[in-house]
Amino acid sequence: MRFTAGLSAVCLALGAASPAMPPRALPPIRANDNRVAAGVLRQGSLSLSLVVAAGDWRPLGADQAGTPMLVFGEAGKPLQDPGPLLRVPRGTAVTVRVHNAAGHTVVVHGLASHRTSGDDSLVIAAGASASAHFVADVAGTWYYWGSMHGEGFEARVLDDAHLNGALIVDPPGAAPGRDRVFVVERHS
């Protein structure tokens, strides 16, 4: 799951609306430039609440047609594509609560320590929440992602293809730079 240190690339893609997406007015999805870490980092612990929800993505501008898709957002803030940036020093205890407002089961991957071989999946029913607790034990550039059909990362298309976010674990003592993290989103 590791990308080249600190660099991934953003791919904007439009897809057809899925029948699983609700035909109601959706909140706008904002582009995330991944310059500000999400959550609250205090005394070696990060606490973060995420939401998975449908939003209206308009990458060509607010006056252009949009497309509905599922994305992550930080609870109480606008939905983002890619999802909120998790950035912590190695050794940080991380607690991420994920609420599923998508209307169907979503499986979230990647919110786990990287030196363990344990399962990194949260299966979250519609309207439910689940939490991941782990230690950011390996410095590097990682990602978290979700799917609603149980398919693998590369097989996701259309409505859940943008359920992605970056997880950056900095070496101890390193001051996070003013760099930008790009996230690759594959879309067929």
Protein backbone atom coordinates (compact mmCIF):
# COMPACT_ATOMS: atom_id res chain seq x y z
CA MET A 1 0.00 0.00 0.00
CA ARG A 2 2.96 2.34 -0.01
CA PHE A 3 3.32 5.10 -2.59
CA THR A 4 6.57 6.81 -3.47
CA ALA A 5 7.53 8.95 -0.46
CA GLY A 6 5.26 11.97 -0.27
CA LEU A 7 4.01 11.91 -3.83
CA SER A 8 0.92 10.60 -5.53
CA ALA A 9 -1.12 12.24 -8.32
CA VAL A 10 -4.70 13.41 -8.55
CA CYS A 11 -6.86 12.14 -11.35
CA LEU A 12 -10.19 13.88 -11.86
CA ALA A 13 -12.72 11.70 -13.57
CA LEU A 14 -16.43 11.95 -14.11
CA GLY A 15 -18.64 8.91 -14.03
CA ALA A 16 -22.28 8.18 -14.52
CA ALA A 17 -24.52 8.32 -11.49
CA SER A 18 -25.16 4.97 -9.92
CA PRO A 19 -28.64 3.79 -9.00
CA ALA A 20 -27.27 3.46 -5.44
CA MET A 21 -26.81 7.23 -5.26
CA PRO A 22 -29.83 9.09 -3.87
CA PRO A 23 -31.69 11.45 -6.27
CA ARG A 24 -31.74 14.38 -3.82
CA ALA A 25 -29.83 17.61 -3.54
CA LEU A 26 -26.35 16.64 -2.43
CA PRO A 27 -23.82 18.74 -0.52
CA PRO A 28 -20.93 20.04 -2.61
CA ILE A 29 -17.61 18.22 -2.56
CA ARG A 30 -14.57 20.46 -2.14
CA ALA A 31 -11.18 19.74 -3.66
CA ASN A 32 -8.68 18.85 -0.93
CA ASP A 33 -5.20 20.24 -1.53
CA ASN A 34 -3.87 18.08 1.35
CA ARG A 35 -1.95 20.90 3.01
CA VAL A 36 -3.79 20.79 6.34
CA ALA A 37 -3.96 17.66 8.49
CA ALA A 38 -7.39 16.65 9.80
CA GLY A 39 -8.35 15.85 13.37
CA VAL A 40 -6.87 16.90 16.69
CA LEU A 41 -3.26 15.94 17.47
CA ARG A 42 -2.52 16.30 21.17
CA GLN A 43 0.13 14.71 23.40
CA GLY A 44 1.04 11.90 20.99
CA SER A 45 -2.54 11.01 20.02
CA LEU A 46 -4.66 11.87 17.00
CA SER A 47 -8.45 11.87 17.26
CA LEU A 48 -10.48 12.19 14.09
CA SER A 49 -14.10 11.69 13.08
CA LEU A 50 -14.75 10.94 9.41
CA VAL A 51 -17.99 10.58 7.52
CA VAL A 52 -18.66 8.66 4.29
CA ALA A 53 -21.40 10.42 2.34
CA ALA A 54 -22.67 11.16 -1.15
CA GLY A 55 -21.86 14.60 -2.50
CA ASP A 56 -21.96 16.60 -5.72
CA TRP A 57 -18.55 16.74 -7.44
CA ARG A 58 -18.03 19.58 -9.92
CA PRO A 59 -14.35 19.50 -10.93
CA LEU A 60 -14.96 21.73 -13.95
CA GLY A 61 -16.49 24.54 -11.86
CA ALA A 62 -19.59 25.33 -9.83
CA ASP A 63 -21.46 26.46 -12.96
CA GLN A 64 -20.83 23.13 -14.74
CA ALA A 65 -22.74 19.87 -14.41
CA GLY A 66 -21.74 17.74 -11.45
CA THR A 67 -21.82 14.06 -10.69
CA PRO A 68 -22.82 12.33 -7.47
CA MET A 69 -20.20 10.21 -5.75
CA LEU A 70 -19.19 8.91 -2.36
CA VAL A 71 -16.32 10.62 -0.58
CA PHE A 72 -14.88 11.08 2.89
CA GLY A 73 -15.22 14.24 4.92
CA GLU A 74 -14.21 15.32 8.39
CA ALA A 75 -17.32 15.34 10.59
CA GLY A 76 -18.84 18.82 10.75
CA LYS A 77 -16.87 20.05 7.73
CA PRO A 78 -17.45 19.90 3.95
CA LEU A 79 -16.95 16.65 2.05
CA GLN A 80 -13.55 16.45 0.33
CA ASP A 81 -11.97 14.73 -2.64
CA PRO A 82 -9.54 13.23 -1.87
CA GLY A 83 -10.56 12.59 1.72
CA PRO A 84 -9.12 14.43 4.73
CA LEU A 85 -5.35 14.21 5.20
CA LEU A 86 -4.18 12.15 8.17
CA ARG A 87 -0.64 13.29 9.01
CA VAL A 88 1.15 12.30 12.20
CA PRO A 89 4.65 11.62 13.56
CA ARG A 90 5.67 7.95 13.81
CA GLY A 91 4.60 6.51 17.14
CA THR A 92 1.33 8.47 17.31
CA ALA A 93 -1.70 6.64 18.72
CA VAL A 94 -4.49 7.16 16.19
CA THR A 95 -8.23 6.87 16.78
CA VAL A 96 -10.46 7.35 13.76
CA ARG A 97 -14.24 7.11 14.05
CA VAL A 98 -16.02 6.62 10.71
CA HIS A 99 -19.74 7.29 10.32
CA ASN A 100 -21.45 5.81 7.26
CA ALA A 101 -24.07 8.23 5.92
CA ALA A 102 -24.02 6.57 2.49
CA GLY A 103 -27.25 4.57 2.74
CA HIS A 104 -25.55 1.17 2.24
CA THR A 105 -22.72 -0.85 3.77
CA VAL A 106 -19.22 0.53 3.20
CA VAL A 107 -15.90 -1.24 3.85
CA VAL A 108 -13.01 1.05 4.87
CA HIS A 109 -9.39 -0.15 4.58
CA GLY A 110 -5.98 1.21 5.58
CA LEU A 111 -6.65 2.60 9.05
CA ALA A 112 -4.19 0.28 10.79
CA SER A 113 -0.58 -0.18 11.85
CA HIS A 114 1.65 -1.30 9.00
CA ARG A 115 3.94 -3.73 10.85
CA THR A 116 1.11 -5.99 11.88
CA SER A 117 -0.51 -8.55 9.64
CA GLY A 118 -3.94 -8.02 11.19
CA ASP A 119 -7.05 -7.05 9.30
CA ASP A 120 -7.27 -3.38 8.41
CA SER A 121 -10.96 -3.37 7.43
CA LEU A 122 -13.96 -1.71 9.02
CA VAL A 123 -17.31 -3.01 7.73
CA ILE A 124 -19.82 -0.27 8.47
CA ALA A 125 -23.56 -0.74 7.88
CA ALA A 126 -25.68 2.14 6.58
CA GLY A 127 -26.22 4.70 9.32
CA ALA A 128 -23.71 3.04 11.66
CA SER A 129 -20.27 4.07 12.91
CA ALA A 130 -17.08 2.12 13.64
CA SER A 131 -13.70 3.06 15.07
CA ALA A 132 -10.13 2.13 14.23
CA HIS A 133 -7.42 2.36 16.90
CA PHE A 134 -3.79 1.89 15.89
CA VAL A 135 -0.26 3.20 16.29
CA ALA A 136 1.32 4.87 13.26
CA ASP A 137 4.35 2.59 13.45
CA VAL A 138 6.07 2.94 10.06
CA ALA A 139 7.12 6.26 8.53
CA GLY A 140 5.92 6.66 4.96
CA THR A 141 3.18 7.68 2.60
CA TRP A 142 0.11 5.48 2.86
CA TYR A 143 -3.56 5.70 1.99
CA TYR A 144 -6.95 4.74 3.35
CA TRP A 145 -9.84 3.86 1.08
CA GLY A 146 -13.35 2.49 0.96
CA SER A 147 -15.67 0.47 -1.23
CA MET A 148 -19.35 -0.30 -1.11
CA HIS A 149 -19.45 -3.44 -3.23
CA GLY A 150 -16.65 -5.42 -1.53
CA GLU A 151 -14.35 -5.09 -4.51
CA GLY A 152 -10.62 -4.42 -4.28
CA PHE A 153 -8.99 -1.00 -4.67
CA GLU A 154 -8.30 -1.36 -8.40
CA ALA A 155 -11.79 -2.71 -9.20
CA ARG A 156 -13.77 0.24 -7.83
CA VAL A 157 -15.59 2.30 -10.44
CA LEU A 158 -18.04 5.18 -10.50
CA ASP A 159 -19.80 5.86 -7.21
CA ASP A 160 -17.10 4.69 -4.78
CA ALA A 161 -13.97 5.25 -6.90
CA HIS A 162 -13.17 8.46 -5.01
CA LEU A 163 -13.31 7.02 -1.48
CA ASN A 164 -9.60 7.68 -0.83
CA GLY A 165 -7.39 9.70 1.47
CA ALA A 166 -3.72 10.05 2.35
CA LEU A 167 -2.15 8.83 5.59
CA ILE A 168 1.32 10.35 6.06
CA VAL A 169 3.53 9.11 8.90
CA ASP A 170 6.52 11.41 9.38
CA PRO A 171 9.80 10.23 10.98
CA PRO A 172 10.14 11.23 14.65
CA GLY A 173 11.33 14.79 15.08
CA ALA A 174 10.63 15.75 11.46
CA ALA A 175 8.70 18.97 11.08
CA PRO A 176 6.00 18.52 8.44
CA GLY A 177 6.90 20.72 5.52
CA ARG A 178 4.66 22.89 3.45
CA ASP A 179 4.49 20.16 0.85
CA ARG A 180 1.37 18.99 -0.89
CA VAL A 181 0.34 15.35 -1.08
CA PHE A 182 -1.32 14.19 -4.29
CA VAL A 183 -3.60 11.15 -4.21
CA VAL A 184 -4.08 8.88 -7.22
CA GLU A 185 -7.68 8.04 -7.91
CA ARG A 186 -8.20 5.33 -10.46
CA HIS A 187 -11.38 5.56 -12.48
CA SER A 188 -12.53 3.39 -15.38
